[in-house]
Amino acid sequence: MAAVYARPVRDKPTLILLVRHGLTPTTGVKLPGRAPGLHLSDEGRRQADEAAARIGALPKIAAVYSSPLERARETALAIARARHLAVRVERGLLEIDIGEFTGLSLKKAARRPEWPIIQQNPSGFRFPGGESFLEMQARVTSTLVRMVERHRGEIIVAVSHADSIKAAVAQALGTPLDLFQRINIAPASITAVAYRPHGPLGPHRQLRERRSRLARGKP
């Protein structure tokens, strides 16, 4: 019988589970931005528990990271408790700083002259008094790179916000930032992205590797 050797950890991808926080009282109604004091609704807490149960079915989670905002930390705490882990707060996972748009209802925001640019050309937009989409994407993706360096070959959780996750997913897929609004990240959804040390695996390569594992009788 041929000897079977474990694949070196340095060759294994790091799997990051990007989790959006659960529902809050303002979800789909207004733009809270980074304003403090916004907590999960009852439904949001149920969603967080459901995400925790799904992630709890995995064999091992090395760490649970979270944006500093309450709604993200509450979602992360449900996941961390299920795995007997502490939540590690990571500022790089913060919501985009929307500056003067903070607290606007979605209806009022949609009437602003900047709204078509936000939807169709976000790469060229900076929120007045806040952050640009390009800065936000660079911040989030560089944060994920540091996590990969810290957790080579492991599975980790990163709880963040819709636009932050959309920007990371767009970068992983090679999708231009101007098209990232087409990506839908639902509350408490879990998006898995595999990273090598040099960057995310492309979707085609991930599919090839999964087929190869299945051919060898591995999940």
C-alpha atoms as a PDB file:
ATOM      1  CA  MET A   1       0.000   0.000   0.000  1.00  0.00           C
ATOM      2  CA  ALA A   2       1.343   3.425  -0.925  1.00  0.00           C
ATOM      3  CA  ALA A   3       2.008   5.816   1.913  1.00  0.00           C
ATOM      4  CA  VAL A   4      -0.388   8.730   2.205  1.00  0.00           C
ATOM      5  CA  TYR A   5       1.067  12.071   3.257  1.00  0.00           C
ATOM      6  CA  ALA A   6      -0.882  15.058   4.501  1.00  0.00           C
ATOM      7  CA  ARG A   7      -0.748  18.085   2.283  1.00  0.00           C
ATOM      8  CA  PRO A   8       1.555  20.695   3.858  1.00  0.00           C
ATOM      9  CA  VAL A   9      -0.368  23.438   5.636  1.00  0.00           C
ATOM     10  CA  ARG A  10       1.390  26.082   3.547  1.00  0.00           C
ATOM     11  CA  ASP A  11      -0.200  24.573   0.411  1.00  0.00           C
ATOM     12  CA  LYS A  12      -3.733  24.431   1.798  1.00  0.00           C
ATOM     13  CA  PRO A  13      -5.993  27.394   1.104  1.00  0.00           C
ATOM     14  CA  THR A  14      -7.407  29.444   3.947  1.00  0.00           C
ATOM     15  CA  LEU A  15     -11.192  29.425   3.844  1.00  0.00           C
ATOM     16  CA  ILE A  16     -12.789  32.674   4.994  1.00  0.00           C
ATOM     17  CA  LEU A  17     -16.503  32.564   5.766  1.00  0.00           C
ATOM     18  CA  LEU A  18     -17.773  36.095   5.186  1.00  0.00           C
ATOM     19  CA  VAL A  19     -20.934  36.553   7.251  1.00  0.00           C
ATOM     20  CA  ARG A  20     -23.175  39.576   6.998  1.00  0.00           C
ATOM     21  CA  HIS A  21     -24.758  40.625  10.284  1.00  0.00           C
ATOM     22  CA  GLY A  22     -28.400  39.738  10.884  1.00  0.00           C
ATOM     23  CA  LEU A  23     -31.401  41.994  10.418  1.00  0.00           C
ATOM     24  CA  THR A  24     -31.746  45.213  12.408  1.00  0.00           C
ATOM     25  CA  PRO A  25     -34.746  47.562  12.780  1.00  0.00           C
ATOM     26  CA  THR A  26     -33.273  49.781  10.038  1.00  0.00           C
ATOM     27  CA  THR A  27     -32.403  47.121   7.446  1.00  0.00           C
ATOM     28  CA  GLY A  28     -33.902  48.124   4.099  1.00  0.00           C
ATOM     29  CA  VAL A  29     -35.267  51.356   5.608  1.00  0.00           C
ATOM     30  CA  LYS A  30     -32.370  53.699   6.343  1.00  0.00           C
ATOM     31  CA  LEU A  31     -28.588  53.968   6.061  1.00  0.00           C
ATOM     32  CA  PRO A  32     -27.117  53.661   9.574  1.00  0.00           C
ATOM     33  CA  GLY A  33     -23.504  53.728   8.402  1.00  0.00           C
ATOM     34  CA  ARG A  34     -21.155  53.602  11.363  1.00  0.00           C
ATOM     35  CA  ALA A  35     -23.538  55.235  13.838  1.00  0.00           C
ATOM     36  CA  PRO A  36     -23.295  53.406  17.182  1.00  0.00           C
ATOM     37  CA  GLY A  37     -26.138  51.851  19.118  1.00  0.00           C
ATOM     38  CA  LEU A  38     -27.835  49.809  16.399  1.00  0.00           C
ATOM     39  CA  HIS A  39     -28.583  46.258  17.566  1.00  0.00           C
ATOM     40  CA  LEU A  40     -30.031  43.139  15.961  1.00  0.00           C
ATOM     41  CA  SER A  41     -33.789  42.775  15.873  1.00  0.00           C
ATOM     42  CA  ASP A  42     -35.460  39.630  17.220  1.00  0.00           C
ATOM     43  CA  GLU A  43     -35.392  38.221  13.692  1.00  0.00           C
ATOM     44  CA  GLY A  44     -31.754  39.231  13.358  1.00  0.00           C
ATOM     45  CA  ARG A  45     -30.860  37.302  16.512  1.00  0.00           C
ATOM     46  CA  ARG A  46     -32.698  34.267  15.156  1.00  0.00           C
ATOM     47  CA  GLN A  47     -30.749  34.588  11.903  1.00  0.00           C
ATOM     48  CA  ALA A  48     -27.471  34.845  13.821  1.00  0.00           C
ATOM     49  CA  ASP A  49     -28.308  31.659  15.733  1.00  0.00           C
ATOM     50  CA  GLU A  50     -29.141  29.921  12.463  1.00  0.00           C
ATOM     51  CA  ALA A  51     -25.830  30.989  10.916  1.00  0.00           C
ATOM     52  CA  ALA A  52     -24.067  29.752  14.056  1.00  0.00           C
ATOM     53  CA  ALA A  53     -25.750  26.351  13.711  1.00  0.00           C
ATOM     54  CA  ARG A  54     -24.705  26.061  10.060  1.00  0.00           C
ATOM     55  CA  ILE A  55     -21.114  26.995  10.817  1.00  0.00           C
ATOM     56  CA  GLY A  56     -21.214  24.746  13.861  1.00  0.00           C
ATOM     57  CA  ALA A  57     -21.536  21.747  11.549  1.00  0.00           C
ATOM     58  CA  LEU A  58     -18.003  22.332  10.234  1.00  0.00           C
ATOM     59  CA  PRO A  59     -15.217  20.257  11.805  1.00  0.00           C
ATOM     60  CA  LYS A  60     -13.073  23.164  13.021  1.00  0.00           C
ATOM     61  CA  ILE A  61     -13.081  26.963  13.075  1.00  0.00           C
ATOM     62  CA  ALA A  62      -9.813  28.638  14.003  1.00  0.00           C
ATOM     63  CA  ALA A  63     -11.121  32.124  14.796  1.00  0.00           C
ATOM     64  CA  VAL A  64     -14.152  34.416  14.632  1.00  0.00           C
ATOM     65  CA  TYR A  65     -13.517  38.040  13.635  1.00  0.00           C
ATOM     66  CA  SER A  66     -16.005  40.900  13.648  1.00  0.00           C
ATOM     67  CA  SER A  67     -16.474  44.508  12.667  1.00  0.00           C
ATOM     68  CA  PRO A  68     -16.605  46.700  15.802  1.00  0.00           C
ATOM     69  CA  LEU A  69     -20.238  47.735  15.226  1.00  0.00           C
ATOM     70  CA  GLU A  70     -22.799  46.228  17.618  1.00  0.00           C
ATOM     71  CA  ARG A  71     -24.885  44.474  14.980  1.00  0.00           C
ATOM     72  CA  ALA A  72     -21.831  42.645  13.667  1.00  0.00           C
ATOM     73  CA  ARG A  73     -20.452  41.782  17.106  1.00  0.00           C
ATOM     74  CA  GLU A  74     -23.809  40.356  18.211  1.00  0.00           C
ATOM     75  CA  THR A  75     -23.903  38.143  15.119  1.00  0.00           C
ATOM     76  CA  ALA A  76     -20.296  37.079  15.661  1.00  0.00           C
ATOM     77  CA  LEU A  77     -20.947  36.314  19.325  1.00  0.00           C
ATOM     78  CA  ALA A  78     -23.641  33.768  18.438  1.00  0.00           C
ATOM     79  CA  ILE A  79     -21.170  32.027  16.116  1.00  0.00           C
ATOM     80  CA  ALA A  80     -18.260  32.220  18.563  1.00  0.00           C
ATOM     81  CA  ARG A  81     -20.316  30.827  21.446  1.00  0.00           C
ATOM     82  CA  ALA A  82     -21.308  27.811  19.364  1.00  0.00           C
ATOM     83  CA  ARG A  83     -17.594  27.099  18.792  1.00  0.00           C
ATOM     84  CA  HIS A  84     -16.396  28.074  22.298  1.00  0.00           C
ATOM     85  CA  LEU A  85     -14.290  30.877  20.858  1.00  0.00           C
ATOM     86  CA  ALA A  86     -13.807  34.557  21.659  1.00  0.00           C
ATOM     87  CA  VAL A  87     -14.773  37.253  19.154  1.00  0.00           C
ATOM     88  CA  ARG A  88     -11.787  39.130  17.761  1.00  0.00           C
ATOM     89  CA  VAL A  89     -12.745  42.700  16.830  1.00  0.00           C
ATOM     90  CA  GLU A  90     -11.160  43.864  13.573  1.00  0.00           C
ATOM     91  CA  ARG A  91     -11.605  47.486  12.466  1.00  0.00           C
ATOM     92  CA  GLY A  92     -10.752  46.587   8.882  1.00  0.00           C
ATOM     93  CA  LEU A  93     -14.138  44.832   8.623  1.00  0.00           C
ATOM     94  CA  LEU A  94     -16.084  48.030   9.348  1.00  0.00           C
ATOM     95  CA  GLU A  95     -18.982  49.296   7.286  1.00  0.00           C
ATOM     96  CA  ILE A  96     -18.083  51.861   4.640  1.00  0.00           C
ATOM     97  CA  ASP A  97     -18.001  55.354   6.152  1.00  0.00           C
ATOM     98  CA  ILE A  98     -20.932  57.085   4.434  1.00  0.00           C
ATOM     99  CA  GLY A  99     -20.290  60.464   6.025  1.00  0.00           C
ATOM    100  CA  GLU A 100     -23.152  62.907   5.434  1.00  0.00           C
ATOM    101  CA  PHE A 101     -25.413  60.060   4.262  1.00  0.00           C
ATOM    102  CA  THR A 102     -25.418  58.549   7.786  1.00  0.00           C
ATOM    103  CA  GLY A 103     -28.977  58.220   9.069  1.00  0.00           C
ATOM    104  CA  LEU A 104     -30.698  59.026   5.776  1.00  0.00           C
ATOM    105  CA  SER A 105     -33.720  56.953   4.860  1.00  0.00           C
ATOM    106  CA  LEU A 106     -33.262  54.941   1.682  1.00  0.00           C
ATOM    107  CA  LYS A 107     -36.027  57.001   0.057  1.00  0.00           C
ATOM    108  CA  LYS A 108     -34.219  60.262   0.786  1.00  0.00           C
ATOM    109  CA  ALA A 109     -30.859  58.826  -0.248  1.00  0.00           C
ATOM    110  CA  ALA A 110     -32.329  57.654  -3.575  1.00  0.00           C
ATOM    111  CA  ARG A 111     -33.441  61.229  -4.287  1.00  0.00           C
ATOM    112  CA  ARG A 112     -29.936  62.606  -3.857  1.00  0.00           C
ATOM    113  CA  PRO A 113     -28.198  63.547  -7.146  1.00  0.00           C
ATOM    114  CA  GLU A 114     -25.258  61.304  -6.180  1.00  0.00           C
ATOM    115  CA  TRP A 115     -27.392  58.150  -5.998  1.00  0.00           C
ATOM    116  CA  PRO A 116     -27.066  57.128  -9.685  1.00  0.00           C
ATOM    117  CA  ILE A 117     -23.276  57.402  -9.352  1.00  0.00           C
ATOM    118  CA  ILE A 118     -23.312  55.217  -6.222  1.00  0.00           C
ATOM    119  CA  GLN A 119     -25.268  52.568  -8.113  1.00  0.00           C
ATOM    120  CA  GLN A 120     -23.600  52.750 -11.534  1.00  0.00           C
ATOM    121  CA  ASN A 121     -20.102  54.157 -11.012  1.00  0.00           C
ATOM    122  CA  PRO A 122     -19.158  53.531  -7.358  1.00  0.00           C
ATOM    123  CA  SER A 123     -15.442  53.397  -8.171  1.00  0.00           C
ATOM    124  CA  GLY A 124     -15.599  57.125  -8.893  1.00  0.00           C
ATOM    125  CA  PHE A 125     -17.515  58.151  -5.782  1.00  0.00           C
ATOM    126  CA  ARG A 126     -16.551  59.289  -2.315  1.00  0.00           C
ATOM    127  CA  PHE A 127     -19.227  59.904   0.328  1.00  0.00           C
ATOM    128  CA  PRO A 128     -19.141  63.565   1.423  1.00  0.00           C
ATOM    129  CA  GLY A 129     -17.311  63.582   4.732  1.00  0.00           C
ATOM    130  CA  GLY A 130     -16.694  59.842   4.447  1.00  0.00           C
ATOM    131  CA  GLU A 131     -14.903  57.111   2.521  1.00  0.00           C
ATOM    132  CA  SER A 132     -14.672  56.201  -1.141  1.00  0.00           C
ATOM    133  CA  PHE A 133     -15.694  52.761  -2.375  1.00  0.00           C
ATOM    134  CA  LEU A 134     -12.142  52.167  -3.620  1.00  0.00           C
ATOM    135  CA  GLU A 135     -10.741  52.957  -0.163  1.00  0.00           C
ATOM    136  CA  MET A 136     -13.279  50.653   1.449  1.00  0.00           C
ATOM    137  CA  GLN A 137     -12.438  47.784  -0.914  1.00  0.00           C
ATOM    138  CA  ALA A 138      -8.703  48.244  -0.351  1.00  0.00           C
ATOM    139  CA  ARG A 139      -9.222  48.321   3.422  1.00  0.00           C
ATOM    140  CA  VAL A 140     -11.334  45.172   3.526  1.00  0.00           C
ATOM    141  CA  THR A 141      -9.223  43.128   1.121  1.00  0.00           C
ATOM    142  CA  SER A 142      -5.959  44.060   2.859  1.00  0.00           C
ATOM    143  CA  THR A 143      -7.553  43.032   6.160  1.00  0.00           C
ATOM    144  CA  LEU A 144      -8.447  39.631   4.701  1.00  0.00           C
ATOM    145  CA  VAL A 145      -4.888  39.233   3.411  1.00  0.00           C
ATOM    146  CA  ARG A 146      -3.569  39.743   6.950  1.00  0.00           C
ATOM    147  CA  MET A 147      -6.030  37.151   8.239  1.00  0.00           C
ATOM    148  CA  VAL A 148      -4.814  34.648   5.642  1.00  0.00           C
ATOM    149  CA  GLU A 149      -1.223  35.223   6.776  1.00  0.00           C
ATOM    150  CA  ARG A 150      -2.313  34.599  10.362  1.00  0.00           C
ATOM    151  CA  HIS A 151      -4.353  31.459   9.599  1.00  0.00           C
ATOM    152  CA  ARG A 152      -2.631  29.515   6.838  1.00  0.00           C
ATOM    153  CA  GLY A 153      -4.682  26.492   5.817  1.00  0.00           C
ATOM    154  CA  GLU A 154      -7.432  27.101   8.391  1.00  0.00           C
ATOM    155  CA  ILE A 155     -11.128  28.041   8.341  1.00  0.00           C
ATOM    156  CA  ILE A 156     -12.051  31.390   9.868  1.00  0.00           C
ATOM    157  CA  VAL A 157     -15.164  33.550  10.147  1.00  0.00           C
ATOM    158  CA  ALA A 158     -15.295  37.278   9.370  1.00  0.00           C
ATOM    159  CA  VAL A 159     -18.549  39.070  10.271  1.00  0.00           C
ATOM    160  CA  SER A 160     -18.994  42.310   8.368  1.00  0.00           C
ATOM    161  CA  HIS A 161     -21.473  44.405   6.369  1.00  0.00           C
ATOM    162  CA  ALA A 162     -23.161  44.118   2.983  1.00  0.00           C
ATOM    163  CA  ASP A 163     -21.036  46.567   0.969  1.00  0.00           C
ATOM    164  CA  SER A 164     -17.800  45.443   2.612  1.00  0.00           C
ATOM    165  CA  ILE A 165     -18.518  41.797   1.772  1.00  0.00           C
ATOM    166  CA  LYS A 166     -19.696  42.660  -1.755  1.00  0.00           C
ATOM    167  CA  ALA A 167     -16.438  44.520  -2.366  1.00  0.00           C
ATOM    168  CA  ALA A 168     -14.380  41.554  -1.131  1.00  0.00           C
ATOM    169  CA  VAL A 169     -16.372  39.100  -3.253  1.00  0.00           C
ATOM    170  CA  ALA A 170     -16.006  41.328  -6.332  1.00  0.00           C
ATOM    171  CA  GLN A 171     -12.235  41.389  -5.831  1.00  0.00           C
ATOM    172  CA  ALA A 172     -12.118  37.612  -5.370  1.00  0.00           C
ATOM    173  CA  LEU A 173     -14.093  37.051  -8.579  1.00  0.00           C
ATOM    174  CA  GLY A 174     -12.169  39.643 -10.569  1.00  0.00           C
ATOM    175  CA  THR A 175     -15.372  41.661 -10.993  1.00  0.00           C
ATOM    176  CA  PRO A 176     -14.927  45.415 -11.568  1.00  0.00           C
ATOM    177  CA  LEU A 177     -15.983  47.504  -8.583  1.00  0.00           C
ATOM    178  CA  ASP A 178     -18.449  49.365 -10.807  1.00  0.00           C
ATOM    179  CA  LEU A 179     -20.409  46.106 -11.084  1.00  0.00           C
ATOM    180  CA  PHE A 180     -20.281  45.134  -7.414  1.00  0.00           C
ATOM    181  CA  GLN A 181     -23.808  46.434  -6.770  1.00  0.00           C
ATOM    182  CA  ARG A 182     -25.061  43.423  -8.757  1.00  0.00           C
ATOM    183  CA  ILE A 183     -23.841  41.118  -6.002  1.00  0.00           C
ATOM    184  CA  ASN A 184     -26.486  40.331  -3.385  1.00  0.00           C
ATOM    185  CA  ILE A 185     -25.407  39.640   0.201  1.00  0.00           C
ATOM    186  CA  ALA A 186     -28.455  38.847   2.340  1.00  0.00           C
ATOM    187  CA  PRO A 187     -28.613  39.392   6.119  1.00  0.00           C
ATOM    188  CA  ALA A 188     -26.819  36.596   8.020  1.00  0.00           C
ATOM    189  CA  SER A 189     -25.732  34.993   4.735  1.00  0.00           C
ATOM    190  CA  ILE A 190     -22.454  33.045   4.602  1.00  0.00           C
ATOM    191  CA  THR A 191     -20.121  33.533   1.635  1.00  0.00           C
ATOM    192  CA  ALA A 192     -17.083  31.229   1.440  1.00  0.00           C
ATOM    193  CA  VAL A 193     -13.929  32.428  -0.301  1.00  0.00           C
ATOM    194  CA  ALA A 194     -10.751  30.327  -0.470  1.00  0.00           C
ATOM    195  CA  TYR A 195      -7.427  32.180  -0.386  1.00  0.00           C
ATOM    196  CA  ARG A 196      -3.912  31.118  -1.216  1.00  0.00           C
ATOM    197  CA  PRO A 197      -1.110  33.282   0.236  1.00  0.00           C
ATOM    198  CA  HIS A 198      -0.931  35.161  -3.079  1.00  0.00           C
ATOM    199  CA  GLY A 199      -4.668  35.870  -3.219  1.00  0.00           C
ATOM    200  CA  PRO A 200      -8.146  34.350  -3.667  1.00  0.00           C
ATOM    201  CA  LEU A 201      -8.670  31.289  -5.811  1.00  0.00           C
ATOM    202  CA  GLY A 202     -10.608  32.092  -8.964  1.00  0.00           C
ATOM    203  CA  PRO A 203     -14.028  30.420  -9.315  1.00  0.00           C
ATOM    204  CA  HIS A 204     -12.823  28.102 -12.096  1.00  0.00           C
ATOM    205  CA  ARG A 205      -9.822  26.935 -10.087  1.00  0.00           C
ATOM    206  CA  GLN A 206     -11.972  26.329  -7.019  1.00  0.00           C
ATOM    207  CA  LEU A 207     -14.289  24.197  -9.156  1.00  0.00           C
ATOM    208  CA  ARG A 208     -11.360  22.200 -10.595  1.00  0.00           C
ATOM    209  CA  GLU A 209      -9.923  21.549  -7.145  1.00  0.00           C
ATOM    210  CA  ARG A 210     -13.307  20.426  -5.814  1.00  0.00           C
ATOM    211  CA  ARG A 211     -13.757  18.047  -8.760  1.00  0.00           C
ATOM    212  CA  SER A 212     -10.270  16.677  -8.112  1.00  0.00           C
ATOM    213  CA  ARG A 213     -11.101  16.045  -4.446  1.00  0.00           C
ATOM    214  CA  LEU A 214     -14.359  14.335  -5.380  1.00  0.00           C
ATOM    215  CA  ALA A 215     -12.516  12.141  -7.875  1.00  0.00           C
ATOM    216  CA  ARG A 216     -10.263  11.038  -5.027  1.00  0.00           C
ATOM    217  CA  GLY A 217     -13.298  10.234  -2.895  1.00  0.00           C
ATOM    218  CA  LYS A 218     -12.921  13.300  -0.646  1.00  0.00           C
ATOM    219  CA  PRO A 219     -15.592  15.915   0.147  1.00  0.00           C
END
